[in-house]
Amino acid sequence: RFGGIVALDRVSFQVEPGGIVGLIGPNGAGK
């Protein structure tokens, strides 16, 4: 949270060893 703005809201994911993972989303998504 930045003041009253929630930039990330209970984000969960895993990255496996040796993998290639893309993190995407519209502008302002929290990437």
mmCIF file of all heavy atoms, coordinates in Angstrom:
data_MODEL
# 
_entry.id   MODEL 
# 
loop_
_atom_site.group_PDB 
_atom_site.id 
_atom_site.type_symbol 
_atom_site.label_atom_id 
_atom_site.label_alt_id 
_atom_site.label_comp_id 
_atom_site.label_asym_id 
_atom_site.label_entity_id 
_atom_site.label_seq_id 
_atom_site.pdbx_PDB_ins_code 
_atom_site.Cartn_x 
_atom_site.Cartn_y 
_atom_site.Cartn_z 
_atom_site.occupancy 
_atom_site.B_iso_or_equiv 
_atom_site.pdbx_formal_charge 
_atom_site.auth_seq_id 
_atom_site.auth_comp_id 
_atom_site.auth_asym_id 
_atom_site.auth_atom_id 
_atom_site.pdbx_PDB_model_num 
ATOM 1   N N   . ARG A 1 1  ? 0.846  -1.200  0.000   1.00 0.00 ? 1  ARG A N   1 
ATOM 2   C CA  . ARG A 1 1  ? 0.000  0.000   0.000   1.00 0.00 ? 1  ARG A CA  1 
ATOM 3   C C   . ARG A 1 1  ? 0.877  1.244   0.000   1.00 0.00 ? 1  ARG A C   1 
ATOM 4   O O   . ARG A 1 1  ? 1.893  1.302   0.688   1.00 0.00 ? 1  ARG A O   1 
ATOM 5   C CB  . ARG A 1 1  ? -0.904 0.039   1.232   1.00 0.00 ? 1  ARG A CB  1 
ATOM 6   C CG  . ARG A 1 1  ? -1.806 -1.171  1.412   1.00 0.00 ? 1  ARG A CG  1 
ATOM 7   C CD  . ARG A 1 1  ? -2.739 -0.989  2.619   1.00 0.00 ? 1  ARG A CD  1 
ATOM 8   N NE  . ARG A 1 1  ? -3.438 -2.225  2.938   1.00 0.00 ? 1  ARG A NE  1 
ATOM 9   C CZ  . ARG A 1 1  ? -2.978 -3.147  3.782   1.00 0.00 ? 1  ARG A CZ  1 
ATOM 10  N NH1 . ARG A 1 1  ? -1.807 -2.946  4.398   1.00 0.00 ? 1  ARG A NH1 1 
ATOM 11  N NH2 . ARG A 1 1  ? -3.665 -4.241  4.026   1.00 0.00 ? 1  ARG A NH2 1 
ATOM 12  N N   . PHE A 1 2  ? 0.479  2.233   -0.774  1.00 0.00 ? 2  PHE A N   1 
ATOM 13  C CA  . PHE A 1 2  ? 1.098  3.553   -0.755  1.00 0.00 ? 2  PHE A CA  1 
ATOM 14  C C   . PHE A 1 2  ? 0.020  4.532   -0.311  1.00 0.00 ? 2  PHE A C   1 
ATOM 15  O O   . PHE A 1 2  ? -0.792 4.981   -1.114  1.00 0.00 ? 2  PHE A O   1 
ATOM 16  C CB  . PHE A 1 2  ? 1.644  3.932   -2.130  1.00 0.00 ? 2  PHE A CB  1 
ATOM 17  C CG  . PHE A 1 2  ? 2.705  3.001   -2.651  1.00 0.00 ? 2  PHE A CG  1 
ATOM 18  C CD1 . PHE A 1 2  ? 2.482  2.207   -3.763  1.00 0.00 ? 2  PHE A CD1 1 
ATOM 19  C CD2 . PHE A 1 2  ? 3.939  2.917   -2.025  1.00 0.00 ? 2  PHE A CD2 1 
ATOM 20  C CE1 . PHE A 1 2  ? 3.460  1.356   -4.248  1.00 0.00 ? 2  PHE A CE1 1 
ATOM 21  C CE2 . PHE A 1 2  ? 4.924  2.068   -2.490  1.00 0.00 ? 2  PHE A CE2 1 
ATOM 22  C CZ  . PHE A 1 2  ? 4.688  1.283   -3.607  1.00 0.00 ? 2  PHE A CZ  1 
ATOM 23  N N   . GLY A 1 3  ? -0.003 4.823   0.994   1.00 0.00 ? 3  GLY A N   1 
ATOM 24  C CA  . GLY A 1 3  ? -1.087 5.638   1.523   1.00 0.00 ? 3  GLY A CA  1 
ATOM 25  C C   . GLY A 1 3  ? -2.394 4.881   1.376   1.00 0.00 ? 3  GLY A C   1 
ATOM 26  O O   . GLY A 1 3  ? -2.528 3.745   1.829   1.00 0.00 ? 3  GLY A O   1 
ATOM 27  N N   . GLY A 1 4  ? -3.359 5.484   0.705   1.00 0.00 ? 4  GLY A N   1 
ATOM 28  C CA  . GLY A 1 4  ? -4.649 4.826   0.516   1.00 0.00 ? 4  GLY A CA  1 
ATOM 29  C C   . GLY A 1 4  ? -4.717 3.995   -0.746  1.00 0.00 ? 4  GLY A C   1 
ATOM 30  O O   . GLY A 1 4  ? -5.761 3.406   -1.058  1.00 0.00 ? 4  GLY A O   1 
ATOM 31  N N   . ILE A 1 5  ? -3.618 3.933   -1.509  1.00 0.00 ? 5  ILE A N   1 
ATOM 32  C CA  . ILE A 1 5  ? -3.599 3.184   -2.770  1.00 0.00 ? 5  ILE A CA  1 
ATOM 33  C C   . ILE A 1 5  ? -3.046 1.784   -2.530  1.00 0.00 ? 5  ILE A C   1 
ATOM 34  O O   . ILE A 1 5  ? -1.971 1.617   -1.950  1.00 0.00 ? 5  ILE A O   1 
ATOM 35  C CB  . ILE A 1 5  ? -2.742 3.906   -3.825  1.00 0.00 ? 5  ILE A CB  1 
ATOM 36  C CG1 . ILE A 1 5  ? -3.332 5.289   -4.129  1.00 0.00 ? 5  ILE A CG1 1 
ATOM 37  C CG2 . ILE A 1 5  ? -2.637 3.075   -5.100  1.00 0.00 ? 5  ILE A CG2 1 
ATOM 38  C CD1 . ILE A 1 5  ? -2.463 6.135   -5.026  1.00 0.00 ? 5  ILE A CD1 1 
ATOM 39  N N   . VAL A 1 6  ? -3.777 0.775   -2.991  1.00 0.00 ? 6  VAL A N   1 
ATOM 40  C CA  . VAL A 1 6  ? -3.315 -0.611  -2.889  1.00 0.00 ? 6  VAL A CA  1 
ATOM 41  C C   . VAL A 1 6  ? -2.653 -0.971  -4.213  1.00 0.00 ? 6  VAL A C   1 
ATOM 42  O O   . VAL A 1 6  ? -3.327 -1.186  -5.225  1.00 0.00 ? 6  VAL A O   1 
ATOM 43  C CB  . VAL A 1 6  ? -4.475 -1.578  -2.587  1.00 0.00 ? 6  VAL A CB  1 
ATOM 44  C CG1 . VAL A 1 6  ? -3.956 -3.006  -2.480  1.00 0.00 ? 6  VAL A CG1 1 
ATOM 45  C CG2 . VAL A 1 6  ? -5.181 -1.175  -1.295  1.00 0.00 ? 6  VAL A CG2 1 
ATOM 46  N N   . ALA A 1 7  ? -1.322 -1.026  -4.217  1.00 0.00 ? 7  ALA A N   1 
ATOM 47  C CA  . ALA A 1 7  ? -0.572 -1.318  -5.446  1.00 0.00 ? 7  ALA A CA  1 
ATOM 48  C C   . ALA A 1 7  ? -0.547 -2.812  -5.750  1.00 0.00 ? 7  ALA A C   1 
ATOM 49  O O   . ALA A 1 7  ? -0.591 -3.220  -6.912  1.00 0.00 ? 7  ALA A O   1 
ATOM 50  C CB  . ALA A 1 7  ? 0.847  -0.782  -5.322  1.00 0.00 ? 7  ALA A CB  1 
ATOM 51  N N   . LEU A 1 8  ? -0.468 -3.636  -4.694  1.00 0.00 ? 8  LEU A N   1 
ATOM 52  C CA  . LEU A 1 8  ? -0.546 -5.089  -4.829  1.00 0.00 ? 8  LEU A CA  1 
ATOM 53  C C   . LEU A 1 8  ? -1.516 -5.610  -3.786  1.00 0.00 ? 8  LEU A C   1 
ATOM 54  O O   . LEU A 1 8  ? -1.443 -5.218  -2.616  1.00 0.00 ? 8  LEU A O   1 
ATOM 55  C CB  . LEU A 1 8  ? 0.828  -5.741  -4.637  1.00 0.00 ? 8  LEU A CB  1 
ATOM 56  C CG  . LEU A 1 8  ? 1.905  -5.443  -5.688  1.00 0.00 ? 8  LEU A CG  1 
ATOM 57  C CD1 . LEU A 1 8  ? 3.236  -6.055  -5.266  1.00 0.00 ? 8  LEU A CD1 1 
ATOM 58  C CD2 . LEU A 1 8  ? 1.489  -5.947  -7.060  1.00 0.00 ? 8  LEU A CD2 1 
ATOM 59  N N   . ASP A 1 9  ? -2.407 -6.497  -4.206  1.00 0.00 ? 9  ASP A N   1 
ATOM 60  C CA  . ASP A 1 9  ? -3.481 -6.963  -3.329  1.00 0.00 ? 9  ASP A CA  1 
ATOM 61  C C   . ASP A 1 9  ? -3.456 -8.483  -3.236  1.00 0.00 ? 9  ASP A C   1 
ATOM 62  O O   . ASP A 1 9  ? -3.999 -9.190  -4.082  1.00 0.00 ? 9  ASP A O   1 
ATOM 63  C CB  . ASP A 1 9  ? -4.826 -6.480  -3.892  1.00 0.00 ? 9  ASP A CB  1 
ATOM 64  C CG  . ASP A 1 9  ? -5.990 -6.753  -2.940  1.00 0.00 ? 9  ASP A CG  1 
ATOM 65  O OD1 . ASP A 1 9  ? -5.757 -7.317  -1.852  1.00 0.00 ? 9  ASP A OD1 1 
ATOM 66  O OD2 . ASP A 1 9  ? -7.125 -6.403  -3.302  1.00 0.00 ? 9  ASP A OD2 1 
ATOM 67  N N   . ARG A 1 10 ? -2.731 -9.001  -2.230  1.00 0.00 ? 10 ARG A N   1 
ATOM 68  C CA  . ARG A 1 10 ? -2.650 -10.437 -1.951  1.00 0.00 ? 10 ARG A CA  1 
ATOM 69  C C   . ARG A 1 10 ? -2.228 -11.234 -3.196  1.00 0.00 ? 10 ARG A C   1 
ATOM 70  O O   . ARG A 1 10 ? -2.867 -12.215 -3.580  1.00 0.00 ? 10 ARG A O   1 
ATOM 71  C CB  . ARG A 1 10 ? -3.976 -10.961 -1.397  1.00 0.00 ? 10 ARG A CB  1 
ATOM 72  C CG  . ARG A 1 10 ? -4.373 -10.328 -0.075  1.00 0.00 ? 10 ARG A CG  1 
ATOM 73  C CD  . ARG A 1 10 ? -5.679 -10.891 0.461   1.00 0.00 ? 10 ARG A CD  1 
ATOM 74  N NE  . ARG A 1 10 ? -5.550 -12.313 0.778   1.00 0.00 ? 10 ARG A NE  1 
ATOM 75  C CZ  . ARG A 1 10 ? -5.042 -12.800 1.903   1.00 0.00 ? 10 ARG A CZ  1 
ATOM 76  N NH1 . ARG A 1 10 ? -4.599 -11.984 2.848   1.00 0.00 ? 10 ARG A NH1 1 
ATOM 77  N NH2 . ARG A 1 10 ? -4.974 -14.115 2.115   1.00 0.00 ? 10 ARG A NH2 1 
ATOM 78  N N   . VAL A 1 11 ? -1.143 -10.815 -3.800  1.00 0.00 ? 11 VAL A N   1 
ATOM 79  C CA  . VAL A 1 11 ? -0.626 -11.469 -5.009  1.00 0.00 ? 11 VAL A CA  1 
ATOM 80  C C   . VAL A 1 11 ? 0.144  -12.735 -4.626  1.00 0.00 ? 11 VAL A C   1 
ATOM 81  O O   . VAL A 1 11 ? 1.017  -12.699 -3.754  1.00 0.00 ? 11 VAL A O   1 
ATOM 82  C CB  . VAL A 1 11 ? 0.283  -10.517 -5.809  1.00 0.00 ? 11 VAL A CB  1 
ATOM 83  C CG1 . VAL A 1 11 ? 1.002  -11.263 -6.925  1.00 0.00 ? 11 VAL A CG1 1 
ATOM 84  C CG2 . VAL A 1 11 ? -0.538 -9.365  -6.374  1.00 0.00 ? 11 VAL A CG2 1 
ATOM 85  N N   . SER A 1 12 ? -0.184 -13.831 -5.298  1.00 0.00 ? 12 SER A N   1 
ATOM 86  C CA  . SER A 1 12 ? 0.499  -15.104 -5.054  1.00 0.00 ? 12 SER A CA  1 
ATOM 87  C C   . SER A 1 12 ? 0.791  -15.795 -6.381  1.00 0.00 ? 12 SER A C   1 
ATOM 88  O O   . SER A 1 12 ? -0.061 -15.826 -7.274  1.00 0.00 ? 12 SER A O   1 
ATOM 89  C CB  . SER A 1 12 ? -0.364 -16.037 -4.198  1.00 0.00 ? 12 SER A CB  1 
ATOM 90  O OG  . SER A 1 12 ? -0.604 -15.507 -2.918  1.00 0.00 ? 12 SER A OG  1 
ATOM 91  N N   . PHE A 1 13 ? 1.985  -16.327 -6.525  1.00 0.00 ? 13 PHE A N   1 
ATOM 92  C CA  . PHE A 1 13 ? 2.346  -17.183 -7.658  1.00 0.00 ? 13 PHE A CA  1 
ATOM 93  C C   . PHE A 1 13 ? 3.694  -17.817 -7.354  1.00 0.00 ? 13 PHE A C   1 
ATOM 94  O O   . PHE A 1 13 ? 4.417  -17.405 -6.447  1.00 0.00 ? 13 PHE A O   1 
ATOM 95  C CB  . PHE A 1 13 ? 2.388  -16.415 -8.988  1.00 0.00 ? 13 PHE A CB  1 
ATOM 96  C CG  . PHE A 1 13 ? 3.475  -15.369 -9.082  1.00 0.00 ? 13 PHE A CG  1 
ATOM 97  C CD1 . PHE A 1 13 ? 4.737  -15.678 -9.587  1.00 0.00 ? 13 PHE A CD1 1 
ATOM 98  C CD2 . PHE A 1 13 ? 3.233  -14.067 -8.670  1.00 0.00 ? 13 PHE A CD2 1 
ATOM 99  C CE1 . PHE A 1 13 ? 5.724  -14.718 -9.674  1.00 0.00 ? 13 PHE A CE1 1 
ATOM 100 C CE2 . PHE A 1 13 ? 4.221  -13.095 -8.759  1.00 0.00 ? 13 PHE A CE2 1 
ATOM 101 C CZ  . PHE A 1 13 ? 5.467  -13.426 -9.262  1.00 0.00 ? 13 PHE A CZ  1 
ATOM 102 N N   . GLN A 1 14 ? 4.030  -18.836 -8.134  1.00 0.00 ? 14 GLN A N   1 
ATOM 103 C CA  . GLN A 1 14 ? 5.299  -19.539 -7.962  1.00 0.00 ? 14 GLN A CA  1 
ATOM 104 C C   . GLN A 1 14 ? 6.061  -19.590 -9.280  1.00 0.00 ? 14 GLN A C   1 
ATOM 105 O O   . GLN A 1 14 ? 5.462  -19.579 -10.354 1.00 0.00 ? 14 GLN A O   1 
ATOM 106 C CB  . GLN A 1 14 ? 5.061  -20.968 -7.455  1.00 0.00 ? 14 GLN A CB  1 
ATOM 107 C CG  . GLN A 1 14 ? 4.462  -21.034 -6.058  1.00 0.00 ? 14 GLN A CG  1 
ATOM 108 C CD  . GLN A 1 14 ? 4.267  -22.471 -5.595  1.00 0.00 ? 14 GLN A CD  1 
ATOM 109 O OE1 . GLN A 1 14 ? 4.156  -23.396 -6.390  1.00 0.00 ? 14 GLN A OE1 1 
ATOM 110 N NE2 . GLN A 1 14 ? 4.239  -22.658 -4.280  1.00 0.00 ? 14 GLN A NE2 1 
ATOM 111 N N   . VAL A 1 15 ? 7.378  -19.637 -9.176  1.00 0.00 ? 15 VAL A N   1 
ATOM 112 C CA  . VAL A 1 15 ? 8.250  -19.778 -10.338 1.00 0.00 ? 15 VAL A CA  1 
ATOM 113 C C   . VAL A 1 15 ? 9.101  -21.022 -10.121 1.00 0.00 ? 15 VAL A C   1 
ATOM 114 O O   . VAL A 1 15 ? 9.811  -21.121 -9.119  1.00 0.00 ? 15 VAL A O   1 
ATOM 115 C CB  . VAL A 1 15 ? 9.151  -18.536 -10.525 1.00 0.00 ? 15 VAL A CB  1 
ATOM 116 C CG1 . VAL A 1 15 ? 10.111 -18.749 -11.686 1.00 0.00 ? 15 VAL A CG1 1 
ATOM 117 C CG2 . VAL A 1 15 ? 8.300  -17.288 -10.744 1.00 0.00 ? 15 VAL A CG2 1 
ATOM 118 N N   . GLU A 1 16 ? 9.006  -21.951 -11.066 1.00 0.00 ? 16 GLU A N   1 
ATOM 119 C CA  . GLU A 1 16 ? 9.741  -23.204 -10.945 1.00 0.00 ? 16 GLU A CA  1 
ATOM 120 C C   . GLU A 1 16 ? 11.194 -23.027 -11.381 1.00 0.00 ? 16 GLU A C   1 
ATOM 121 O O   . GLU A 1 16 ? 11.499 -22.204 -12.256 1.00 0.00 ? 16 GLU A O   1 
ATOM 122 C CB  . GLU A 1 16 ? 9.083  -24.287 -11.804 1.00 0.00 ? 16 GLU A CB  1 
ATOM 123 C CG  . GLU A 1 16 ? 7.616  -24.514 -11.506 1.00 0.00 ? 16 GLU A CG  1 
ATOM 124 C CD  . GLU A 1 16 ? 7.363  -24.850 -10.046 1.00 0.00 ? 16 GLU A CD  1 
ATOM 125 O OE1 . GLU A 1 16 ? 8.169  -25.611 -9.471  1.00 0.00 ? 16 GLU A OE1 1 
ATOM 126 O OE2 . GLU A 1 16 ? 6.373  -24.346 -9.479  1.00 0.00 ? 16 GLU A OE2 1 
ATOM 127 N N   . PRO A 1 17 ? 12.121 -23.793 -10.817 1.00 0.00 ? 17 PRO A N   1 
ATOM 128 C CA  . PRO A 1 17 ? 13.534 -23.697 -11.214 1.00 0.00 ? 17 PRO A CA  1 
ATOM 129 C C   . PRO A 1 17 ? 13.714 -23.983 -12.698 1.00 0.00 ? 17 PRO A C   1 
ATOM 130 O O   . PRO A 1 17 ? 13.134 -24.925 -13.233 1.00 0.00 ? 17 PRO A O   1 
ATOM 131 C CB  . PRO A 1 17 ? 14.216 -24.779 -10.358 1.00 0.00 ? 17 PRO A CB  1 
ATOM 132 C CG  . PRO A 1 17 ? 13.288 -25.036 -9.230  1.00 0.00 ? 17 PRO A CG  1 
ATOM 133 C CD  . PRO A 1 17 ? 11.909 -24.800 -9.763  1.00 0.00 ? 17 PRO A CD  1 
ATOM 134 N N   . GLY A 1 18 ? 14.490 -23.137 -13.371 1.00 0.00 ? 18 GLY A N   1 
ATOM 135 C CA  . GLY A 1 18 ? 14.772 -23.340 -14.780 1.00 0.00 ? 18 GLY A CA  1 
ATOM 136 C C   . GLY A 1 18 ? 13.690 -22.872 -15.725 1.00 0.00 ? 18 GLY A C   1 
ATOM 137 O O   . GLY A 1 18 ? 13.815 -23.023 -16.941 1.00 0.00 ? 18 GLY A O   1 
ATOM 138 N N   . GLY A 1 19 ? 12.637 -22.260 -15.183 1.00 0.00 ? 19 GLY A N   1 
ATOM 139 C CA  . GLY A 1 19 ? 11.537 -21.799 -16.017 1.00 0.00 ? 19 GLY A CA  1 
ATOM 140 C C   . GLY A 1 19 ? 11.747 -20.394 -16.557 1.00 0.00 ? 19 GLY A C   1 
ATOM 141 O O   . GLY A 1 19 ? 12.603 -19.651 -16.087 1.00 0.00 ? 19 GLY A O   1 
ATOM 142 N N   . ILE A 1 20 ? 10.948 -20.039 -17.561 1.00 0.00 ? 20 ILE A N   1 
ATOM 143 C CA  . ILE A 1 20 ? 10.869 -18.668 -18.059 1.00 0.00 ? 20 ILE A CA  1 
ATOM 144 C C   . ILE A 1 20 ? 9.431  -18.224 -17.866 1.00 0.00 ? 20 ILE A C   1 
ATOM 145 O O   . ILE A 1 20 ? 8.507  -18.786 -18.472 1.00 0.00 ? 20 ILE A O   1 
ATOM 146 C CB  . ILE A 1 20 ? 11.263 -18.567 -19.544 1.00 0.00 ? 20 ILE A CB  1 
ATOM 147 C CG1 . ILE A 1 20 ? 12.698 -19.046 -19.763 1.00 0.00 ? 20 ILE A CG1 1 
ATOM 148 C CG2 . ILE A 1 20 ? 11.116 -17.123 -20.032 1.00 0.00 ? 20 ILE A CG2 1 
ATOM 149 C CD1 . ILE A 1 20 ? 13.130 -19.065 -21.226 1.00 0.00 ? 20 ILE A CD1 1 
ATOM 150 N N   . VAL A 1 21 ? 9.242  -17.236 -17.001 1.00 0.00 ? 21 VAL A N   1 
ATOM 151 C CA  . VAL A 1 21 ? 7.896  -16.786 -16.631 1.00 0.00 ? 21 VAL A CA  1 
ATOM 152 C C   . VAL A 1 21 ? 7.727  -15.326 -17.020 1.00 0.00 ? 21 VAL A C   1 
ATOM 153 O O   . VAL A 1 21 ? 8.583  -14.491 -16.726 1.00 0.00 ? 21 VAL A O   1 
ATOM 154 C CB  . VAL A 1 21 ? 7.647  -16.966 -15.115 1.00 0.00 ? 21 VAL A CB  1 
ATOM 155 C CG1 . VAL A 1 21 ? 6.271  -16.423 -14.720 1.00 0.00 ? 21 VAL A CG1 1 
ATOM 156 C CG2 . VAL A 1 21 ? 7.774  -18.438 -14.729 1.00 0.00 ? 21 VAL A CG2 1 
ATOM 157 N N   . GLY A 1 22 ? 6.620  -15.026 -17.693 1.00 0.00 ? 22 GLY A N   1 
ATOM 158 C CA  . GLY A 1 22 ? 6.297  -13.656 -18.057 1.00 0.00 ? 22 GLY A CA  1 
ATOM 159 C C   . GLY A 1 22 ? 5.308  -13.057 -17.079 1.00 0.00 ? 22 GLY A C   1 
ATOM 160 O O   . GLY A 1 22 ? 4.324  -13.710 -16.704 1.00 0.00 ? 22 GLY A O   1 
ATOM 161 N N   . LEU A 1 23 ? 5.577  -11.834 -16.644 1.00 0.00 ? 23 LEU A N   1 
ATOM 162 C CA  . LEU A 1 23 ? 4.679  -11.105 -15.745 1.00 0.00 ? 23 LEU A CA  1 
ATOM 163 C C   . LEU A 1 23 ? 4.117  -9.926  -16.532 1.00 0.00 ? 23 LEU A C   1 
ATOM 164 O O   . LEU A 1 23 ? 4.864  -9.021  -16.920 1.00 0.00 ? 23 LEU A O   1 
ATOM 165 C CB  . LEU A 1 23 ? 5.453  -10.621 -14.512 1.00 0.00 ? 23 LEU A CB  1 
ATOM 166 C CG  . LEU A 1 23 ? 4.680  -9.830  -13.452 1.00 0.00 ? 23 LEU A CG  1 
ATOM 167 C CD1 . LEU A 1 23 ? 3.602  -10.700 -12.809 1.00 0.00 ? 23 LEU A CD1 1 
ATOM 168 C CD2 . LEU A 1 23 ? 5.632  -9.298  -12.381 1.00 0.00 ? 23 LEU A CD2 1 
ATOM 169 N N   . ILE A 1 24 ? 2.824  -9.959  -16.817 1.00 0.00 ? 24 ILE A N   1 
ATOM 170 C CA  . ILE A 1 24 ? 2.225  -8.943  -17.669 1.00 0.00 ? 24 ILE A CA  1 
ATOM 171 C C   . ILE A 1 24 ? 1.032  -8.289  -16.988 1.00 0.00 ? 24 ILE A C   1 
ATOM 172 O O   . ILE A 1 24 ? 0.574  -8.727  -15.935 1.00 0.00 ? 24 ILE A O   1 
ATOM 173 C CB  . ILE A 1 24 ? 1.794  -9.527  -19.036 1.00 0.00 ? 24 ILE A CB  1 
ATOM 174 C CG1 . ILE A 1 24 ? 0.650  -10.539 -18.848 1.00 0.00 ? 24 ILE A CG1 1 
ATOM 175 C CG2 . ILE A 1 24 ? 2.975  -10.166 -19.747 1.00 0.00 ? 24 ILE A CG2 1 
ATOM 176 C CD1 . ILE A 1 24 ? 0.058  -11.014 -20.165 1.00 0.00 ? 24 ILE A CD1 1 
ATOM 177 N N   . GLY A 1 25 ? 0.509  -7.244  -17.635 1.00 0.00 ? 25 GLY A N   1 
ATOM 178 C CA  . GLY A 1 25 ? -0.658 -6.533  -17.129 1.00 0.00 ? 25 GLY A CA  1 
ATOM 179 C C   . GLY A 1 25 ? -0.687 -5.134  -17.693 1.00 0.00 ? 25 GLY A C   1 
ATOM 180 O O   . GLY A 1 25 ? 0.349  -4.606  -18.113 1.00 0.00 ? 25 GLY A O   1 
ATOM 181 N N   . PRO A 1 26 ? -1.856 -4.501  -17.717 1.00 0.00 ? 26 PRO A N   1 
ATOM 182 C CA  . PRO A 1 26 ? -1.953 -3.122  -18.209 1.00 0.00 ? 26 PRO A CA  1 
ATOM 183 C C   . PRO A 1 26 ? -1.111 -2.169  -17.366 1.00 0.00 ? 26 PRO A C   1 
ATOM 184 O O   . PRO A 1 26 ? -0.638 -2.521  -16.272 1.00 0.00 ? 26 PRO A O   1 
ATOM 185 C CB  . PRO A 1 26 ? -3.455 -2.807  -18.065 1.00 0.00 ? 26 PRO A CB  1 
ATOM 186 C CG  . PRO A 1 26 ? -4.125 -4.137  -17.938 1.00 0.00 ? 26 PRO A CG  1 
ATOM 187 C CD  . PRO A 1 26 ? -3.142 -5.043  -17.279 1.00 0.00 ? 26 PRO A CD  1 
ATOM 188 N N   . ASN A 1 27 ? -0.920 -0.958  -17.855 1.00 0.00 ? 27 ASN A N   1 
ATOM 189 C CA  . ASN A 1 27 ? -0.193 0.058   -17.084 1.00 0.00 ? 27 ASN A CA  1 
ATOM 190 C C   . ASN A 1 27 ? -0.859 0.253   -15.731 1.00 0.00 ? 27 ASN A C   1 
ATOM 191 O O   . ASN A 1 27 ? -2.091 0.309   -15.624 1.00 0.00 ? 27 ASN A O   1 
ATOM 192 C CB  . ASN A 1 27 ? -0.181 1.394   -17.837 1.00 0.00 ? 27 ASN A CB  1 
ATOM 193 C CG  . ASN A 1 27 ? 0.732  1.357   -19.043 1.00 0.00 ? 27 ASN A CG  1 
ATOM 194 O OD1 . ASN A 1 27 ? 1.717  0.612   -19.065 1.00 0.00 ? 27 ASN A OD1 1 
ATOM 195 N ND2 . ASN A 1 27 ? 0.429  2.152   -20.057 1.00 0.00 ? 27 ASN A ND2 1 
ATOM 196 N N   . GLY A 1 28 ? -0.031 0.345   -14.681 1.00 0.00 ? 28 GLY A N   1 
ATOM 197 C CA  . GLY A 1 28 ? -0.563 0.541   -13.334 1.00 0.00 ? 28 GLY A CA  1 
ATOM 198 C C   . GLY A 1 28 ? -1.050 -0.730  -12.669 1.00 0.00 ? 28 GLY A C   1 
ATOM 199 O O   . GLY A 1 28 ? -1.658 -0.685  -11.597 1.00 0.00 ? 28 GLY A O   1 
ATOM 200 N N   . ALA A 1 29 ? -0.754 -1.888  -13.277 1.00 0.00 ? 29 ALA A N   1 
ATOM 201 C CA  . ALA A 1 29 ? -1.243 -3.154  -12.728 1.00 0.00 ? 29 ALA A CA  1 
ATOM 202 C C   . ALA A 1 29 ? -0.481 -3.589  -11.486 1.00 0.00 ? 29 ALA A C   1 
ATOM 203 O O   . ALA A 1 29 ? -0.969 -4.409  -10.706 1.00 0.00 ? 29 ALA A O   1 
ATOM 204 C CB  . ALA A 1 29 ? -1.166 -4.256  -13.788 1.00 0.00 ? 29 ALA A CB  1 
ATOM 205 N N   . GLY A 1 30 ? 0.755  -3.070  -11.307 1.00 0.00 ? 30 GLY A N   1 
ATOM 206 C CA  . GLY A 1 30 ? 1.540  -3.438  -10.132 1.00 0.00 ? 30 GLY A CA  1 
ATOM 207 C C   . GLY A 1 30 ? 2.794  -4.234  -10.445 1.00 0.00 ? 30 GLY A C   1 
ATOM 208 O O   . GLY A 1 30 ? 3.482  -4.702  -9.536  1.00 0.00 ? 30 GLY A O   1 
ATOM 209 N N   . LYS A 1 31 ? 3.122  -4.363  -11.730 1.00 0.00 ? 31 LYS A N   1 
ATOM 210 C CA  . LYS A 1 31 ? 4.264  -5.200  -12.132 1.00 0.00 ? 31 LYS A CA  1 
ATOM 211 C C   . LYS A 1 31 ? 5.589  -4.664  -11.586 1.00 0.00 ? 31 LYS A C   1 
ATOM 212 O O   . LYS A 1 31 ? 6.384  -5.413  -11.018 1.00 0.00 ? 31 LYS A O   1 
ATOM 213 C CB  . LYS A 1 31 ? 4.332  -5.280  -13.668 1.00 0.00 ? 31 LYS A CB  1 
ATOM 214 C CG  . LYS A 1 31 ? 3.057  -5.770  -14.327 1.00 0.00 ? 31 LYS A CG  1 
ATOM 215 C CD  . LYS A 1 31 ? 3.207  -5.881  -15.826 1.00 0.00 ? 31 LYS A CD  1 
ATOM 216 C CE  . LYS A 1 31 ? 3.476  -4.543  -16.500 1.00 0.00 ? 31 LYS A CE  1 
ATOM 217 N NZ  . LYS A 1 31 ? 2.370  -3.575  -16.353 1.00 0.00 ? 31 LYS A NZ  1 
# 
